[in-house]
Amino acid sequence: MTNKVCEINILGNKYSMRSDEGVERIREIESFVNQHLQEVLEKSKSLSLQNATILAALNIAGEFFKLKDNQKDYQEGVVRKSKDILKWIDNQLEEAKGVDVVV
């Protein structure tokens, strides 16, 4: 995909962004950012837009790191389980070496 310029709207401010993502993904990102900013602004009405943006960025970063940790835990679990399965298969093959098969 080629780099495309897309216009987005964040809290009423228009921005042009260049991205390899499709329009649907850019709209998802736009909506996600707007939602987080609106949540921060609703909770703390006296915050400046700059401070609300920083808090929203920190919240998004927190979510990102939580998801990253969950993904790492999941991958480690898959590796552990795969090793257990391979060990079990090896044991089954070892036990089967002494068995004569009659057809």
N, C-alpha and C. Protein backbone atom coordinates (compact mmCIF):
# COMPACT_ATOMS: atom_id res chain seq x y z
N MET A 1 0.84 -1.18 0.00
CA MET A 1 0.00 0.00 0.00
C MET A 1 0.89 1.24 0.00
N THR A 2 0.44 2.27 -0.65
CA THR A 2 1.24 3.49 -0.71
C THR A 2 0.81 4.45 0.39
N ASN A 3 1.71 5.33 0.73
CA ASN A 3 1.43 6.36 1.72
C ASN A 3 0.36 7.30 1.18
N LYS A 4 -0.77 7.41 1.89
CA LYS A 4 -1.85 8.29 1.47
C LYS A 4 -2.04 9.37 2.51
N VAL A 5 -2.52 10.52 2.07
CA VAL A 5 -2.86 11.60 2.99
C VAL A 5 -4.35 11.51 3.27
N CYS A 6 -4.69 11.56 4.54
CA CYS A 6 -6.09 11.47 4.95
C CYS A 6 -6.36 12.57 5.96
N GLU A 7 -7.51 13.18 5.87
CA GLU A 7 -7.88 14.22 6.83
C GLU A 7 -8.67 13.59 7.96
N ILE A 8 -8.28 13.91 9.19
CA ILE A 8 -8.99 13.42 10.37
C ILE A 8 -9.46 14.60 11.19
N ASN A 9 -10.41 14.33 12.08
CA ASN A 9 -10.98 15.37 12.93
C ASN A 9 -10.85 14.91 14.38
N ILE A 10 -10.04 15.62 15.15
CA ILE A 10 -9.85 15.31 16.56
C ILE A 10 -10.39 16.48 17.38
N LEU A 11 -11.48 16.21 18.10
CA LEU A 11 -12.16 17.23 18.92
C LEU A 11 -12.41 18.52 18.14
N GLY A 12 -12.87 18.37 16.91
CA GLY A 12 -13.21 19.54 16.09
C GLY A 12 -12.05 20.16 15.35
N ASN A 13 -10.84 19.69 15.59
CA ASN A 13 -9.67 20.21 14.87
C ASN A 13 -9.30 19.25 13.75
N LYS A 14 -9.09 19.80 12.58
CA LYS A 14 -8.76 18.97 11.42
C LYS A 14 -7.25 18.84 11.29
N TYR A 15 -6.84 17.60 10.97
CA TYR A 15 -5.43 17.30 10.78
C TYR A 15 -5.30 16.46 9.52
N SER A 16 -4.21 16.68 8.81
CA SER A 16 -3.87 15.81 7.69
C SER A 16 -2.82 14.84 8.18
N MET A 17 -3.04 13.57 7.88
CA MET A 17 -2.04 12.58 8.28
C MET A 17 -1.71 11.69 7.09
N ARG A 18 -0.48 11.27 7.06
CA ARG A 18 -0.01 10.38 6.01
C ARG A 18 0.13 8.99 6.62
N SER A 19 -0.44 8.00 5.94
CA SER A 19 -0.43 6.66 6.50
C SER A 19 -0.53 5.60 5.41
N ASP A 20 0.00 4.43 5.72
CA ASP A 20 -0.16 3.27 4.85
C ASP A 20 -1.45 2.52 5.17
N GLU A 21 -2.10 2.90 6.26
CA GLU A 21 -3.34 2.24 6.68
C GLU A 21 -4.48 2.62 5.75
N GLY A 22 -5.47 1.73 5.69
CA GLY A 22 -6.67 2.01 4.90
C GLY A 22 -7.55 3.03 5.60
N VAL A 23 -8.50 3.55 4.88
CA VAL A 23 -9.39 4.59 5.42
C VAL A 23 -10.17 4.07 6.62
N GLU A 24 -10.62 2.83 6.57
CA GLU A 24 -11.39 2.28 7.70
C GLU A 24 -10.55 2.26 8.97
N ARG A 25 -9.29 1.85 8.86
CA ARG A 25 -8.41 1.80 10.04
C ARG A 25 -8.15 3.20 10.57
N ILE A 26 -7.94 4.16 9.67
CA ILE A 26 -7.70 5.54 10.09
C ILE A 26 -8.92 6.08 10.83
N ARG A 27 -10.12 5.75 10.35
CA ARG A 27 -11.35 6.19 11.03
C ARG A 27 -11.46 5.53 12.41
N GLU A 28 -11.04 4.28 12.52
CA GLU A 28 -11.04 3.61 13.83
C GLU A 28 -10.10 4.33 14.80
N ILE A 29 -8.93 4.68 14.31
CA ILE A 29 -7.94 5.38 15.14
C ILE A 29 -8.47 6.75 15.54
N GLU A 30 -9.04 7.46 14.59
CA GLU A 30 -9.62 8.78 14.85
C GLU A 30 -10.69 8.68 15.95
N SER A 31 -11.57 7.72 15.83
CA SER A 31 -12.63 7.52 16.81
C SER A 31 -12.05 7.14 18.18
N PHE A 32 -11.06 6.26 18.18
CA PHE A 32 -10.42 5.82 19.42
C PHE A 32 -9.80 7.00 20.16
N VAL A 33 -9.06 7.84 19.44
CA VAL A 33 -8.41 9.00 20.06
C VAL A 33 -9.46 9.98 20.57
N ASN A 34 -10.47 10.27 19.75
CA ASN A 34 -11.53 11.18 20.18
C ASN A 34 -12.23 10.67 21.44
N GLN A 35 -12.51 9.37 21.48
CA GLN A 35 -13.18 8.79 22.64
C GLN A 35 -12.35 8.97 23.90
N HIS A 36 -11.06 8.67 23.81
CA HIS A 36 -10.19 8.82 24.98
C HIS A 36 -10.08 10.28 25.42
N LEU A 37 -9.95 11.18 24.48
CA LEU A 37 -9.87 12.60 24.83
C LEU A 37 -11.17 13.07 25.48
N GLN A 38 -12.30 12.67 24.93
CA GLN A 38 -13.59 13.08 25.50
C GLN A 38 -13.78 12.52 26.90
N GLU A 39 -13.35 11.28 27.14
CA GLU A 39 -13.45 10.70 28.48
C GLU A 39 -12.64 11.51 29.49
N VAL A 40 -11.43 11.88 29.12
CA VAL A 40 -10.57 12.66 30.02
C VAL A 40 -11.19 14.03 30.27
N LEU A 41 -11.68 14.68 29.21
CA LEU A 41 -12.26 16.01 29.36
C LEU A 41 -13.55 15.98 30.19
N GLU A 42 -14.33 14.91 30.07
CA GLU A 42 -15.56 14.80 30.86
C GLU A 42 -15.26 14.61 32.35
N LYS A 43 -14.20 13.87 32.64
CA LYS A 43 -13.84 13.61 34.04
C LYS A 43 -13.22 14.84 34.71
N SER A 44 -12.50 15.62 33.94
CA SER A 44 -11.82 16.80 34.49
C SER A 44 -12.10 17.99 33.58
N LYS A 45 -13.21 18.63 33.82
CA LYS A 45 -13.65 19.72 32.95
C LYS A 45 -12.73 20.94 32.98
N SER A 46 -11.92 21.06 34.03
CA SER A 46 -11.06 22.24 34.14
C SER A 46 -9.71 22.06 33.45
N LEU A 47 -9.47 20.90 32.88
CA LEU A 47 -8.18 20.65 32.22
C LEU A 47 -8.08 21.42 30.91
N SER A 48 -6.88 21.86 30.62
CA SER A 48 -6.63 22.44 29.31
C SER A 48 -6.60 21.32 28.29
N LEU A 49 -6.77 21.65 27.05
CA LEU A 49 -6.74 20.65 25.99
C LEU A 49 -5.37 19.96 25.95
N GLN A 50 -4.32 20.73 26.21
CA GLN A 50 -2.98 20.15 26.22
C GLN A 50 -2.83 19.11 27.33
N ASN A 51 -3.27 19.43 28.52
CA ASN A 51 -3.17 18.48 29.64
C ASN A 51 -4.09 17.27 29.43
N ALA A 52 -5.27 17.51 28.86
CA ALA A 52 -6.17 16.40 28.56
C ALA A 52 -5.54 15.47 27.54
N THR A 53 -4.85 16.05 26.56
CA THR A 53 -4.18 15.25 25.54
C THR A 53 -3.08 14.41 26.15
N ILE A 54 -2.32 15.00 27.07
CA ILE A 54 -1.25 14.26 27.73
C ILE A 54 -1.83 13.12 28.57
N LEU A 55 -2.90 13.39 29.31
CA LEU A 55 -3.53 12.33 30.12
C LEU A 55 -4.11 11.23 29.23
N ALA A 56 -4.74 11.61 28.13
CA ALA A 56 -5.28 10.61 27.21
C ALA A 56 -4.14 9.77 26.62
N ALA A 57 -3.04 10.41 26.27
CA ALA A 57 -1.88 9.67 25.74
C ALA A 57 -1.34 8.71 26.79
N LEU A 58 -1.29 9.13 28.04
CA LEU A 58 -0.83 8.24 29.11
C LEU A 58 -1.78 7.07 29.31
N ASN A 59 -3.09 7.33 29.23
CA ASN A 59 -4.08 6.25 29.33
C ASN A 59 -3.93 5.25 28.18
N ILE A 60 -3.75 5.77 26.98
CA ILE A 60 -3.58 4.90 25.81
C ILE A 60 -2.29 4.10 25.94
N ALA A 61 -1.23 4.74 26.40
CA ALA A 61 0.05 4.04 26.59
C ALA A 61 -0.12 2.93 27.64
N GLY A 62 -0.85 3.21 28.70
CA GLY A 62 -1.10 2.20 29.73
C GLY A 62 -1.84 1.00 29.15
N GLU A 63 -2.86 1.26 28.34
CA GLU A 63 -3.60 0.17 27.68
C GLU A 63 -2.67 -0.62 26.77
N PHE A 64 -1.83 0.09 26.03
CA PHE A 64 -0.91 -0.56 25.10
C PHE A 64 0.02 -1.51 25.84
N PHE A 65 0.61 -1.04 26.94
CA PHE A 65 1.55 -1.89 27.68
C PHE A 65 0.85 -3.07 28.34
N LYS A 66 -0.39 -2.86 28.78
CA LYS A 66 -1.15 -3.97 29.35
C LYS A 66 -1.40 -5.04 28.28
N LEU A 67 -1.80 -4.61 27.09
CA LEU A 67 -2.02 -5.55 25.99
C LEU A 67 -0.73 -6.25 25.58
N LYS A 68 0.36 -5.49 25.59
CA LYS A 68 1.66 -6.06 25.25
C LYS A 68 2.06 -7.14 26.25
N ASP A 69 1.85 -6.87 27.54
CA ASP A 69 2.13 -7.86 28.58
C ASP A 69 1.25 -9.09 28.42
N ASN A 70 -0.04 -8.88 28.13
CA ASN A 70 -0.96 -10.00 27.93
C ASN A 70 -0.53 -10.85 26.74
N GLN A 71 -0.09 -10.20 25.68
CA GLN A 71 0.37 -10.93 24.49
C GLN A 71 1.61 -11.75 24.83
N LYS A 72 2.52 -11.17 25.59
CA LYS A 72 3.74 -11.89 25.98
C LYS A 72 3.39 -13.10 26.83
N ASP A 73 2.49 -12.91 27.80
CA ASP A 73 2.05 -14.03 28.65
C ASP A 73 1.41 -15.13 27.81
N TYR A 74 0.58 -14.74 26.86
CA TYR A 74 -0.09 -15.71 25.99
C TYR A 74 0.94 -16.49 25.17
N GLN A 75 1.88 -15.77 24.57
CA GLN A 75 2.91 -16.42 23.76
C GLN A 75 3.75 -17.38 24.60
N GLU A 76 4.10 -16.97 25.81
CA GLU A 76 4.87 -17.85 26.69
C GLU A 76 4.06 -19.10 27.04
N GLY A 77 2.76 -18.94 27.24
CA GLY A 77 1.89 -20.08 27.52
C GLY A 77 1.82 -21.03 26.34
N VAL A 78 1.75 -20.48 25.14
CA VAL A 78 1.71 -21.32 23.93
C VAL A 78 3.02 -22.08 23.79
N VAL A 79 4.14 -21.43 24.05
CA VAL A 79 5.44 -22.10 23.96
C VAL A 79 5.53 -23.22 25.00
N ARG A 80 5.10 -22.94 26.24
CA ARG A 80 5.11 -23.96 27.29
C ARG A 80 4.25 -25.16 26.91
N LYS A 81 3.05 -24.87 26.45
CA LYS A 81 2.12 -25.94 26.08
C LYS A 81 2.68 -26.74 24.90
N SER A 82 3.28 -26.07 23.94
CA SER A 82 3.88 -26.75 22.79
C SER A 82 5.00 -27.67 23.23
N LYS A 83 5.82 -27.21 24.15
CA LYS A 83 6.90 -28.05 24.67
C LYS A 83 6.33 -29.27 25.39
N ASP A 84 5.26 -29.07 26.17
CA ASP A 84 4.62 -30.19 26.86
C ASP A 84 4.08 -31.21 25.86
N ILE A 85 3.46 -30.73 24.79
CA ILE A 85 2.91 -31.63 23.78
C ILE A 85 4.03 -32.39 23.08
N LEU A 86 5.10 -31.69 22.73
CA LEU A 86 6.24 -32.37 22.08
C LEU A 86 6.86 -33.41 23.00
N LYS A 87 6.95 -33.08 24.26
CA LYS A 87 7.50 -34.03 25.24
C LYS A 87 6.60 -35.27 25.32
N TRP A 88 5.29 -35.06 25.35
CA TRP A 88 4.35 -36.16 25.40
C TRP A 88 4.46 -37.03 24.15
N ILE A 89 4.56 -36.40 22.98
CA ILE A 89 4.72 -37.15 21.72
C ILE A 89 6.01 -37.96 21.74
N ASP A 90 7.10 -37.33 22.18
CA ASP A 90 8.37 -38.05 22.28
C ASP A 90 8.24 -39.26 23.20
N ASN A 91 7.57 -39.10 24.33
CA ASN A 91 7.36 -40.21 25.26
C ASN A 91 6.53 -41.32 24.61
N GLN A 92 5.50 -40.95 23.89
CA GLN A 92 4.65 -41.93 23.22
C GLN A 92 5.44 -42.69 22.16
N LEU A 93 6.28 -41.98 21.42
CA LEU A 93 7.11 -42.63 20.40
C LEU A 93 8.13 -43.57 21.04
N GLU A 94 8.68 -43.15 22.15
CA GLU A 94 9.65 -43.99 22.87
C GLU A 94 8.98 -45.27 23.36
N GLU A 95 7.78 -45.14 23.91
CA GLU A 95 7.05 -46.31 24.38
C GLU A 95 6.64 -47.22 23.23
N ALA A 96 6.37 -46.64 22.08
CA ALA A 96 5.91 -47.43 20.93
C ALA A 96 7.06 -48.19 20.26
N LYS A 97 8.29 -47.86 20.55
CA LYS A 97 9.43 -48.55 19.92
C LYS A 97 9.43 -50.05 20.22
N GLY A 98 9.02 -50.43 21.39
CA GLY A 98 9.05 -51.83 21.77
C GLY A 98 7.78 -52.58 21.41
N VAL A 99 6.82 -51.91 20.83
CA VAL A 99 5.55 -52.56 20.53
C VAL A 99 5.57 -53.08 19.09
N ASP A 100 5.22 -54.35 18.93
CA ASP A 100 5.11 -54.94 17.60
C ASP A 100 3.70 -54.70 17.08
N VAL A 101 3.61 -54.25 15.86
CA VAL A 101 2.32 -53.98 15.25
C VAL A 101 1.98 -55.14 14.32
N VAL A 102 0.83 -55.73 14.54
CA VAL A 102 0.36 -56.83 13.70
C VAL A 102 -0.86 -56.35 12.94
N VAL A 103 -0.78 -56.51 11.63
CA VAL A 103 -1.90 -56.07 10.80
C VAL A 103 -2.56 -57.25 10.16
